[in-house]
Amino acid sequence: YYRLRGTIAVRALNLLRG
């Protein structure tokens, strides 16, 4: 699902930004 993938991408970006 694109939505799920998008959510994971957003979480990854947030973690990287810290």
C-alpha atoms as a PDB file:
ATOM      1  CA  TYR A   1       0.000   0.000   0.000  1.00  0.00           C
ATOM      2  CA  TYR A   2       1.328   3.407  -0.970  1.00  0.00           C
ATOM      3  CA  ARG A   3      -0.088   5.000   2.179  1.00  0.00           C
ATOM      4  CA  LEU A   4       1.770   2.596   4.442  1.00  0.00           C
ATOM      5  CA  ARG A   5       4.984   3.147   2.524  1.00  0.00           C
ATOM      6  CA  GLY A   6       4.496   6.911   2.747  1.00  0.00           C
ATOM      7  CA  THR A   7       4.014   6.698   6.509  1.00  0.00           C
ATOM      8  CA  ILE A   8       7.212   4.682   6.897  1.00  0.00           C
ATOM      9  CA  ALA A   9       9.088   7.211   4.756  1.00  0.00           C
ATOM     10  CA  VAL A  10       7.816  10.085   6.916  1.00  0.00           C
ATOM     11  CA  ARG A  11       8.844   8.257  10.102  1.00  0.00           C
ATOM     12  CA  ALA A  12      12.283   7.567   8.660  1.00  0.00           C
ATOM     13  CA  LEU A  13      12.719  11.243   7.759  1.00  0.00           C
ATOM     14  CA  ASN A  14      11.652  12.288  11.258  1.00  0.00           C
ATOM     15  CA  LEU A  15      14.137   9.866  12.823  1.00  0.00           C
ATOM     16  CA  LEU A  16      16.936  11.133  10.583  1.00  0.00           C
ATOM     17  CA  ARG A  17      16.080  14.741  11.432  1.00  0.00           C
ATOM     18  CA  GLY A  18      15.980  13.843  15.131  1.00  0.00           C
END
